[in-house]
Every structure is written in C-alpha cells, then in structure tokens.
Amino acid sequence: MTSIIRVTKEFPFEMAHALWNYDGPCRNVHGHSYRLFVTLYGKPLEERDNPKNGMVIDFSDLKKIVKKEIVDVFDHSVVVSRQFDKSKTEMFSELFGNTVVVDYQPTCENLVSDFAGRIARLLPQGIKLHSLKLYETASSYAEWFAADNENGA
C-alpha cells in the first residue's frame, strides 16, 4: 500500500495564563484544562520484519515528542507574555512556581502556533505535521493547519 494516512493523538494538560493588556477577565491569572490534538501524515512503513511495519508513526514515539516539547513544559504552569514588566513576571514566578515566559500573548491561537513549530522540527523524516487543534474550554478551540502556513503564509 502507498496511501497517505493521517494519525491523531490527544494530549490533555492543565495550564494557567494571564493576558497582558487585555480588557476582559482573562487579564487575570486563570486556568484551563487544555486538550491538544496532534495530526500527522505519511505513508505507513512497509517493511515486513520491522516492528513498526504498517505504522505512520508509533503513537508512543509521538507521545515522547509532545511530552518533551509541550506537556513537560506547559503542564501545571502559568504562561505569561514577556510584555509584563519584570517585577510582575517575578511575582508570578514567586506565587505560582512553574512560570513560562513567552515572546507572545499566550492566547489559544498563539499557543497552538508555537506548539506546531516545537513539534514539527522533531518529527522523523517522511512524517509531516498536518494540523493541531487546541481546546481551551469544552467549546472553544484554535486550529493550526500546515497547508495554511506554507510559504510563510
């Protein structure tokens, strides 16, 4: 078989954030139960004697990548923008411990874009990132698609 197949794995994690200069309640530190869906595509391996025969990627290999790059970094953390003044960032760190300072406003939209870059660079040859879907609440999510981001789009 030479079909291109998409595979998806879900990764739940807990994270808090505060939005700098936002005019609504999300300017305050608050948390969400995030659910990240990672979809890859490629051709299933066709090597009869290989233990990964028939797989695009072993789900445990995908789990290692996402755990290292996303879950281990962001789970049970407070994510804030570098735009907060240094004293406020230090206060977040003192109050909450695991504080991740990012170079962007940590909205669901910007987080999913950041996560795409972190994951794509570690994928094995022949496997491509198709899309990410990041649920911030049960009814709100942001999506990232490789096709929408080709050629710097």
N, C-alpha and C. Protein backbone atom coordinates (compact mmCIF):
# COMPACT_ATOMS: atom_id res chain seq x y z
N MET A 1 0.84 -1.19 0.00
CA MET A 1 0.00 0.00 0.00
C MET A 1 0.88 1.25 0.00
N THR A 2 0.45 2.26 -0.71
CA THR A 2 1.21 3.51 -0.75
C THR A 2 0.35 4.70 -0.38
N SER A 3 -0.75 4.46 0.31
CA SER A 3 -1.66 5.54 0.69
C SER A 3 -1.02 6.45 1.73
N ILE A 4 -1.36 7.72 1.64
CA ILE A 4 -1.01 8.68 2.68
C ILE A 4 -2.09 8.57 3.75
N ILE A 5 -1.67 8.42 4.99
CA ILE A 5 -2.59 8.23 6.10
C ILE A 5 -2.35 9.32 7.14
N ARG A 6 -3.42 9.79 7.75
CA ARG A 6 -3.33 10.74 8.86
C ARG A 6 -3.58 9.98 10.16
N VAL A 7 -2.80 10.30 11.17
CA VAL A 7 -3.00 9.73 12.50
C VAL A 7 -3.07 10.88 13.50
N THR A 8 -3.88 10.71 14.52
CA THR A 8 -4.09 11.76 15.51
C THR A 8 -3.99 11.19 16.91
N LYS A 9 -3.37 11.97 17.79
CA LYS A 9 -3.28 11.60 19.20
C LYS A 9 -3.66 12.82 20.03
N GLU A 10 -4.36 12.58 21.12
CA GLU A 10 -4.79 13.65 22.03
C GLU A 10 -3.88 13.71 23.25
N PHE A 11 -3.60 14.95 23.70
CA PHE A 11 -2.76 15.19 24.86
C PHE A 11 -3.45 16.20 25.78
N PRO A 12 -3.96 15.76 26.92
CA PRO A 12 -4.56 16.70 27.86
C PRO A 12 -3.49 17.27 28.81
N PHE A 13 -3.66 18.52 29.21
CA PHE A 13 -2.79 19.11 30.22
C PHE A 13 -3.50 20.30 30.85
N GLU A 14 -3.03 20.68 32.02
CA GLU A 14 -3.59 21.80 32.77
C GLU A 14 -2.62 22.98 32.70
N MET A 15 -3.15 24.16 32.46
CA MET A 15 -2.27 25.33 32.35
C MET A 15 -3.06 26.59 32.71
N ALA A 16 -2.35 27.54 33.31
CA ALA A 16 -2.93 28.85 33.59
C ALA A 16 -2.21 29.88 32.73
N HIS A 17 -2.88 31.01 32.52
CA HIS A 17 -2.24 32.11 31.80
C HIS A 17 -2.90 33.42 32.21
N ALA A 18 -2.23 34.50 31.87
CA ALA A 18 -2.77 35.84 32.04
C ALA A 18 -2.43 36.61 30.77
N LEU A 19 -3.39 37.37 30.28
CA LEU A 19 -3.19 38.10 29.02
C LEU A 19 -2.84 39.56 29.32
N TRP A 20 -1.66 39.95 28.90
CA TRP A 20 -1.17 41.31 29.11
C TRP A 20 -2.02 42.31 28.34
N ASN A 21 -2.43 43.38 29.00
CA ASN A 21 -3.13 44.50 28.39
C ASN A 21 -4.51 44.13 27.84
N TYR A 22 -5.03 42.99 28.21
CA TYR A 22 -6.36 42.58 27.76
C TYR A 22 -7.41 43.32 28.57
N ASP A 23 -8.56 43.63 27.96
CA ASP A 23 -9.58 44.43 28.64
C ASP A 23 -10.73 43.61 29.22
N GLY A 24 -10.55 42.30 29.30
CA GLY A 24 -11.59 41.44 29.86
C GLY A 24 -11.06 40.64 31.03
N PRO A 25 -11.85 39.72 31.53
CA PRO A 25 -11.45 38.96 32.72
C PRO A 25 -10.21 38.09 32.51
N CYS A 26 -9.86 37.77 31.28
CA CYS A 26 -8.68 36.94 31.03
C CYS A 26 -7.36 37.67 31.28
N ARG A 27 -7.44 38.94 31.66
CA ARG A 27 -6.21 39.64 32.05
C ARG A 27 -5.72 39.13 33.39
N ASN A 28 -6.63 38.52 34.17
CA ASN A 28 -6.27 37.93 35.46
C ASN A 28 -5.78 36.50 35.26
N VAL A 29 -4.93 36.05 36.15
CA VAL A 29 -4.45 34.67 36.07
C VAL A 29 -5.65 33.73 36.23
N HIS A 30 -5.77 32.80 35.30
CA HIS A 30 -6.83 31.81 35.33
C HIS A 30 -6.36 30.58 34.58
N GLY A 31 -6.98 29.45 34.84
CA GLY A 31 -6.52 28.21 34.24
C GLY A 31 -7.57 27.52 33.39
N HIS A 32 -7.06 26.59 32.59
CA HIS A 32 -7.91 25.78 31.71
C HIS A 32 -7.42 24.34 31.72
N SER A 33 -8.33 23.45 31.38
CA SER A 33 -7.98 22.05 31.10
C SER A 33 -7.87 21.94 29.58
N TYR A 34 -6.65 22.07 29.07
CA TYR A 34 -6.40 22.06 27.63
C TYR A 34 -6.41 20.64 27.09
N ARG A 35 -6.80 20.53 25.83
CA ARG A 35 -6.71 19.26 25.09
C ARG A 35 -6.10 19.57 23.74
N LEU A 36 -4.94 18.99 23.48
CA LEU A 36 -4.22 19.20 22.24
C LEU A 36 -4.34 17.96 21.37
N PHE A 37 -4.83 18.13 20.15
CA PHE A 37 -4.92 17.04 19.19
C PHE A 37 -3.85 17.27 18.12
N VAL A 38 -2.97 16.31 17.97
CA VAL A 38 -1.86 16.40 17.02
C VAL A 38 -2.14 15.42 15.89
N THR A 39 -2.21 15.92 14.66
CA THR A 39 -2.45 15.07 13.49
C THR A 39 -1.23 15.12 12.57
N LEU A 40 -0.69 13.95 12.30
CA LEU A 40 0.46 13.79 11.41
C LEU A 40 0.01 13.03 10.17
N TYR A 41 0.82 13.11 9.11
CA TYR A 41 0.52 12.29 7.96
C TYR A 41 1.81 11.74 7.34
N GLY A 42 1.65 10.64 6.66
CA GLY A 42 2.76 9.99 5.99
C GLY A 42 2.31 8.64 5.44
N LYS A 43 3.26 7.93 4.90
CA LYS A 43 2.96 6.59 4.39
C LYS A 43 3.33 5.57 5.46
N PRO A 44 2.44 4.62 5.72
CA PRO A 44 2.78 3.57 6.67
C PRO A 44 4.03 2.81 6.20
N LEU A 45 4.85 2.46 7.15
CA LEU A 45 6.07 1.71 6.87
C LEU A 45 5.74 0.37 6.23
N GLU A 46 6.46 0.02 5.18
CA GLU A 46 6.24 -1.26 4.50
C GLU A 46 7.51 -2.09 4.58
N GLU A 47 7.82 -2.55 5.76
CA GLU A 47 8.98 -3.43 6.00
C GLU A 47 8.49 -4.58 6.88
N ARG A 48 8.22 -5.71 6.25
CA ARG A 48 7.58 -6.84 6.90
C ARG A 48 8.22 -7.23 8.23
N ASP A 49 9.54 -7.18 8.32
CA ASP A 49 10.22 -7.63 9.53
C ASP A 49 10.46 -6.51 10.54
N ASN A 50 10.06 -5.29 10.21
CA ASN A 50 10.24 -4.17 11.12
C ASN A 50 9.09 -4.15 12.13
N PRO A 51 9.37 -4.01 13.41
CA PRO A 51 8.29 -4.00 14.40
C PRO A 51 7.31 -2.82 14.22
N LYS A 52 7.69 -1.81 13.46
CA LYS A 52 6.81 -0.66 13.20
C LYS A 52 6.08 -0.80 11.86
N ASN A 53 6.15 -1.97 11.25
CA ASN A 53 5.51 -2.22 9.97
C ASN A 53 4.03 -1.85 10.04
N GLY A 54 3.57 -1.10 9.02
CA GLY A 54 2.17 -0.71 8.94
C GLY A 54 1.84 0.58 9.65
N MET A 55 2.82 1.19 10.31
CA MET A 55 2.58 2.42 11.07
C MET A 55 3.13 3.65 10.35
N VAL A 56 2.39 4.76 10.44
CA VAL A 56 2.93 6.05 10.01
C VAL A 56 3.97 6.46 11.05
N ILE A 57 3.59 6.39 12.32
CA ILE A 57 4.47 6.64 13.45
C ILE A 57 3.92 5.83 14.61
N ASP A 58 4.80 5.31 15.42
CA ASP A 58 4.37 4.63 16.63
C ASP A 58 3.81 5.71 17.56
N PHE A 59 2.60 5.53 18.04
CA PHE A 59 1.99 6.54 18.90
C PHE A 59 2.86 6.84 20.13
N SER A 60 3.62 5.86 20.59
CA SER A 60 4.50 6.11 21.74
C SER A 60 5.65 7.05 21.35
N ASP A 61 6.10 7.01 20.10
CA ASP A 61 7.13 7.95 19.65
C ASP A 61 6.58 9.38 19.56
N LEU A 62 5.35 9.50 19.07
CA LEU A 62 4.71 10.81 19.04
C LEU A 62 4.51 11.33 20.46
N LYS A 63 4.12 10.46 21.36
CA LYS A 63 3.91 10.86 22.75
C LYS A 63 5.21 11.39 23.36
N LYS A 64 6.34 10.77 23.06
CA LYS A 64 7.63 11.24 23.60
C LYS A 64 7.93 12.66 23.13
N ILE A 65 7.67 12.94 21.86
CA ILE A 65 7.94 14.27 21.30
C ILE A 65 7.05 15.31 21.97
N VAL A 66 5.75 15.06 22.01
CA VAL A 66 4.81 16.04 22.55
C VAL A 66 4.99 16.20 24.06
N LYS A 67 5.27 15.12 24.74
CA LYS A 67 5.51 15.21 26.18
C LYS A 67 6.71 16.10 26.47
N LYS A 68 7.81 15.89 25.74
CA LYS A 68 9.04 16.66 25.97
C LYS A 68 8.86 18.13 25.61
N GLU A 69 8.24 18.41 24.47
CA GLU A 69 8.17 19.78 23.95
C GLU A 69 6.99 20.59 24.47
N ILE A 70 5.90 19.93 24.84
CA ILE A 70 4.70 20.66 25.23
C ILE A 70 4.29 20.33 26.67
N VAL A 71 3.95 19.10 26.93
CA VAL A 71 3.38 18.73 28.23
C VAL A 71 4.36 18.99 29.37
N ASP A 72 5.59 18.55 29.25
CA ASP A 72 6.56 18.75 30.33
C ASP A 72 6.86 20.23 30.57
N VAL A 73 6.71 21.05 29.55
CA VAL A 73 6.99 22.49 29.67
C VAL A 73 5.78 23.24 30.21
N PHE A 74 4.59 22.96 29.67
CA PHE A 74 3.42 23.79 29.94
C PHE A 74 2.46 23.23 30.98
N ASP A 75 2.47 21.93 31.23
CA ASP A 75 1.51 21.35 32.17
C ASP A 75 1.74 21.92 33.57
N HIS A 76 0.67 22.33 34.20
CA HIS A 76 0.69 22.91 35.56
C HIS A 76 1.65 24.10 35.65
N SER A 77 1.63 24.93 34.62
CA SER A 77 2.44 26.15 34.62
C SER A 77 1.52 27.36 34.50
N VAL A 78 2.09 28.52 34.73
CA VAL A 78 1.44 29.79 34.43
C VAL A 78 2.22 30.40 33.27
N VAL A 79 1.55 30.70 32.19
CA VAL A 79 2.20 31.23 31.00
C VAL A 79 1.84 32.71 30.87
N VAL A 80 2.88 33.53 30.75
CA VAL A 80 2.69 34.97 30.63
C VAL A 80 3.60 35.52 29.53
N SER A 81 3.19 36.65 28.99
CA SER A 81 3.97 37.32 27.96
C SER A 81 5.15 38.06 28.57
N ARG A 82 6.22 38.11 27.82
CA ARG A 82 7.39 38.89 28.20
C ARG A 82 7.05 40.38 28.30
N GLN A 83 5.90 40.78 27.76
CA GLN A 83 5.49 42.19 27.81
C GLN A 83 5.14 42.64 29.23
N PHE A 84 4.80 41.70 30.10
CA PHE A 84 4.60 42.08 31.50
C PHE A 84 5.92 42.63 32.02
N ASP A 85 5.86 43.64 32.89
CA ASP A 85 7.11 44.16 33.44
C ASP A 85 7.78 43.09 34.31
N LYS A 86 9.08 43.23 34.46
CA LYS A 86 9.89 42.22 35.14
C LYS A 86 9.41 41.94 36.56
N SER A 87 8.98 42.96 37.27
CA SER A 87 8.54 42.75 38.65
C SER A 87 7.27 41.89 38.69
N LYS A 88 6.39 42.08 37.74
CA LYS A 88 5.17 41.27 37.70
C LYS A 88 5.50 39.82 37.32
N THR A 89 6.40 39.64 36.36
CA THR A 89 6.82 38.29 35.97
C THR A 89 7.46 37.58 37.16
N GLU A 90 8.29 38.29 37.91
CA GLU A 90 8.91 37.70 39.11
C GLU A 90 7.86 37.35 40.15
N MET A 91 6.84 38.19 40.29
CA MET A 91 5.75 37.91 41.22
C MET A 91 5.01 36.64 40.82
N PHE A 92 4.71 36.49 39.51
CA PHE A 92 4.06 35.27 39.03
C PHE A 92 4.89 34.06 39.42
N SER A 93 6.18 34.15 39.20
CA SER A 93 7.08 33.04 39.50
C SER A 93 7.09 32.71 40.99
N GLU A 94 7.13 33.75 41.82
CA GLU A 94 7.13 33.53 43.27
C GLU A 94 5.82 32.92 43.74
N LEU A 95 4.70 33.40 43.20
CA LEU A 95 3.38 32.91 43.62
C LEU A 95 3.05 31.52 43.09
N PHE A 96 3.40 31.29 41.84
CA PHE A 96 2.93 30.08 41.17
C PHE A 96 4.01 29.04 40.88
N GLY A 97 5.26 29.39 41.07
CA GLY A 97 6.33 28.43 40.79
C GLY A 97 6.61 28.31 39.31
N ASN A 98 6.12 27.27 38.70
CA ASN A 98 6.41 26.99 37.29
C ASN A 98 5.77 28.06 36.39
N THR A 99 6.55 29.08 36.07
CA THR A 99 6.09 30.17 35.21
C THR A 99 6.86 30.13 33.91
N VAL A 100 6.14 30.10 32.80
CA VAL A 100 6.74 30.09 31.48
C VAL A 100 6.51 31.47 30.87
N VAL A 101 7.60 32.15 30.53
CA VAL A 101 7.52 33.46 29.90
C VAL A 101 7.75 33.28 28.41
N VAL A 102 6.79 33.75 27.61
CA VAL A 102 6.87 33.59 26.16
C VAL A 102 6.95 34.94 25.49
N ASP A 103 7.38 34.95 24.24
CA ASP A 103 7.55 36.19 23.47
C ASP A 103 6.28 36.61 22.74
N TYR A 104 5.15 36.11 23.17
CA TYR A 104 3.87 36.41 22.52
C TYR A 104 2.78 36.46 23.57
N GLN A 105 1.63 36.99 23.19
CA GLN A 105 0.46 36.96 24.06
C GLN A 105 -0.02 35.51 24.11
N PRO A 106 -0.11 34.88 25.30
CA PRO A 106 -0.42 33.45 25.37
C PRO A 106 -1.90 33.12 25.19
N THR A 107 -2.44 33.52 24.05
CA THR A 107 -3.80 33.15 23.68
C THR A 107 -3.79 31.73 23.13
N CYS A 108 -4.94 31.14 23.03
CA CYS A 108 -5.06 29.81 22.45
C CYS A 108 -4.49 29.80 21.03
N GLU A 109 -4.75 30.87 20.27
CA GLU A 109 -4.28 30.97 18.90
C GLU A 109 -2.75 30.97 18.82
N ASN A 110 -2.12 31.78 19.66
CA ASN A 110 -0.65 31.86 19.63
C ASN A 110 0.00 30.61 20.21
N LEU A 111 -0.62 30.02 21.21
CA LEU A 111 -0.08 28.78 21.78
C LEU A 111 -0.05 27.67 20.73
N VAL A 112 -1.15 27.51 19.99
CA VAL A 112 -1.21 26.42 19.01
C VAL A 112 -0.17 26.63 17.91
N SER A 113 0.08 27.88 17.54
CA SER A 113 1.11 28.16 16.54
C SER A 113 2.51 27.82 17.08
N ASP A 114 2.77 28.21 18.31
CA ASP A 114 4.05 27.88 18.96
C ASP A 114 4.23 26.37 19.03
N PHE A 115 3.19 25.67 19.45
CA PHE A 115 3.27 24.21 19.59
C PHE A 115 3.58 23.54 18.25
N ALA A 116 3.01 24.07 17.17
CA ALA A 116 3.26 23.50 15.84
C ALA A 116 4.75 23.53 15.52
N GLY A 117 5.39 24.66 15.77
CA GLY A 117 6.82 24.76 15.50
C GLY A 117 7.65 23.83 16.36
N ARG A 118 7.28 23.70 17.62
CA ARG A 118 8.01 22.83 18.54
C ARG A 118 7.93 21.36 18.13
N ILE A 119 6.76 20.96 17.64
CA ILE A 119 6.55 19.56 17.27
C ILE A 119 7.15 19.25 15.90
N ALA A 120 6.90 20.11 14.92
CA ALA A 120 7.30 19.84 13.52
C ALA A 120 8.80 19.61 13.39
N ARG A 121 9.59 20.35 14.13
CA ARG A 121 11.05 20.24 13.96
C ARG A 121 11.62 18.92 14.49
N LEU A 122 10.83 18.16 15.25
CA LEU A 122 11.33 16.91 15.81
C LEU A 122 10.74 15.65 15.18
N LEU A 123 9.92 15.83 14.18
CA LEU A 123 9.30 14.65 13.56
C LEU A 123 10.31 13.88 12.71
N PRO A 124 10.19 12.56 12.71
CA PRO A 124 11.08 11.75 11.87
C PRO A 124 10.90 12.06 10.39
N GLN A 125 11.93 11.80 9.63
CA GLN A 125 11.88 12.03 8.18
C GLN A 125 10.71 11.27 7.57
N GLY A 126 10.02 11.92 6.66
CA GLY A 126 8.90 11.29 5.96
C GLY A 126 7.56 11.47 6.66
N ILE A 127 7.58 12.05 7.86
CA ILE A 127 6.34 12.29 8.59
C ILE A 127 6.17 13.79 8.72
N LYS A 128 4.99 14.27 8.39
CA LYS A 128 4.72 15.71 8.40
C LYS A 128 3.59 16.03 9.38
N LEU A 129 3.68 17.23 9.92
CA LEU A 129 2.60 17.74 10.76
C LEU A 129 1.48 18.24 9.86
N HIS A 130 0.31 17.72 10.02
CA HIS A 130 -0.86 18.14 9.25
C HIS A 130 -1.61 19.26 9.96
N SER A 131 -1.92 19.03 11.24
CA SER A 131 -2.72 20.03 11.96
C SER A 131 -2.62 19.82 13.46
N LEU A 132 -2.97 20.88 14.16
CA LEU A 132 -3.13 20.84 15.62
C LEU A 132 -4.48 21.47 15.93
N LYS A 133 -5.13 20.94 16.94
CA LYS A 133 -6.35 21.54 17.46
C LYS A 133 -6.14 21.64 18.96
N LEU A 134 -6.22 22.87 19.50
CA LEU A 134 -6.02 23.10 20.92
C LEU A 134 -7.32 23.61 21.53
N TYR A 135 -7.94 22.74 22.35
CA TYR A 135 -9.14 23.14 23.08
C TYR A 135 -8.72 23.85 24.34
N GLU A 136 -9.26 25.06 24.54
CA GLU A 136 -9.02 25.81 25.77
C GLU A 136 -10.16 25.56 26.76
N THR A 137 -11.35 25.40 26.23
CA THR A 137 -12.52 25.02 27.02
C THR A 137 -13.23 23.91 26.24
N ALA A 138 -14.29 23.39 26.80
CA ALA A 138 -15.02 22.31 26.12
C ALA A 138 -15.62 22.76 24.79
N SER A 139 -15.84 24.07 24.64
CA SER A 139 -16.50 24.55 23.42
C SER A 139 -15.68 25.58 22.63
N SER A 140 -14.42 25.80 23.04
CA SER A 140 -13.60 26.81 22.35
C SER A 140 -12.23 26.23 22.03
N TYR A 141 -11.81 26.38 20.78
CA TYR A 141 -10.50 25.86 20.38
C TYR A 141 -9.93 26.69 19.24
N ALA A 142 -8.62 26.52 19.04
CA ALA A 142 -7.93 27.12 17.90
C ALA A 142 -7.29 25.99 17.11
N GLU A 143 -7.22 26.17 15.80
CA GLU A 143 -6.62 25.15 14.93
C GLU A 143 -5.47 25.75 14.13
N TRP A 144 -4.49 24.90 13.87
CA TRP A 144 -3.35 25.24 13.02
C TRP A 144 -3.27 24.17 11.95
N PHE A 145 -3.19 24.58 10.69
CA PHE A 145 -3.05 23.64 9.57
C PHE A 145 -1.78 23.96 8.80
N ALA A 146 -1.01 22.95 8.49
CA ALA A 146 0.22 23.13 7.71
C ALA A 146 -0.08 23.79 6.37
N ALA A 147 -1.15 23.37 5.72
CA ALA A 147 -1.49 23.90 4.39
C ALA A 147 -1.73 25.41 4.44
N ASP A 148 -2.21 25.91 5.56
CA ASP A 148 -2.46 27.35 5.70
C ASP A 148 -1.19 28.12 5.97
N ASN A 149 -0.12 27.42 6.33
CA ASN A 149 1.11 28.07 6.77
C ASN A 149 2.29 27.78 5.86
N GLU A 150 2.04 27.26 4.68
CA GLU A 150 3.10 27.01 3.72
C GLU A 150 3.58 28.32 3.13
N ASN A 151 4.84 28.36 2.79
CA ASN A 151 5.44 29.56 2.17
C ASN A 151 5.28 30.81 3.01
N GLY A 152 5.38 30.64 4.34
CA GLY A 152 5.32 31.79 5.22
C GLY A 152 3.96 32.44 5.33
N ALA A 153 2.91 31.73 4.89
CA ALA A 153 1.56 32.30 4.94
C ALA A 153 1.07 32.47 6.36
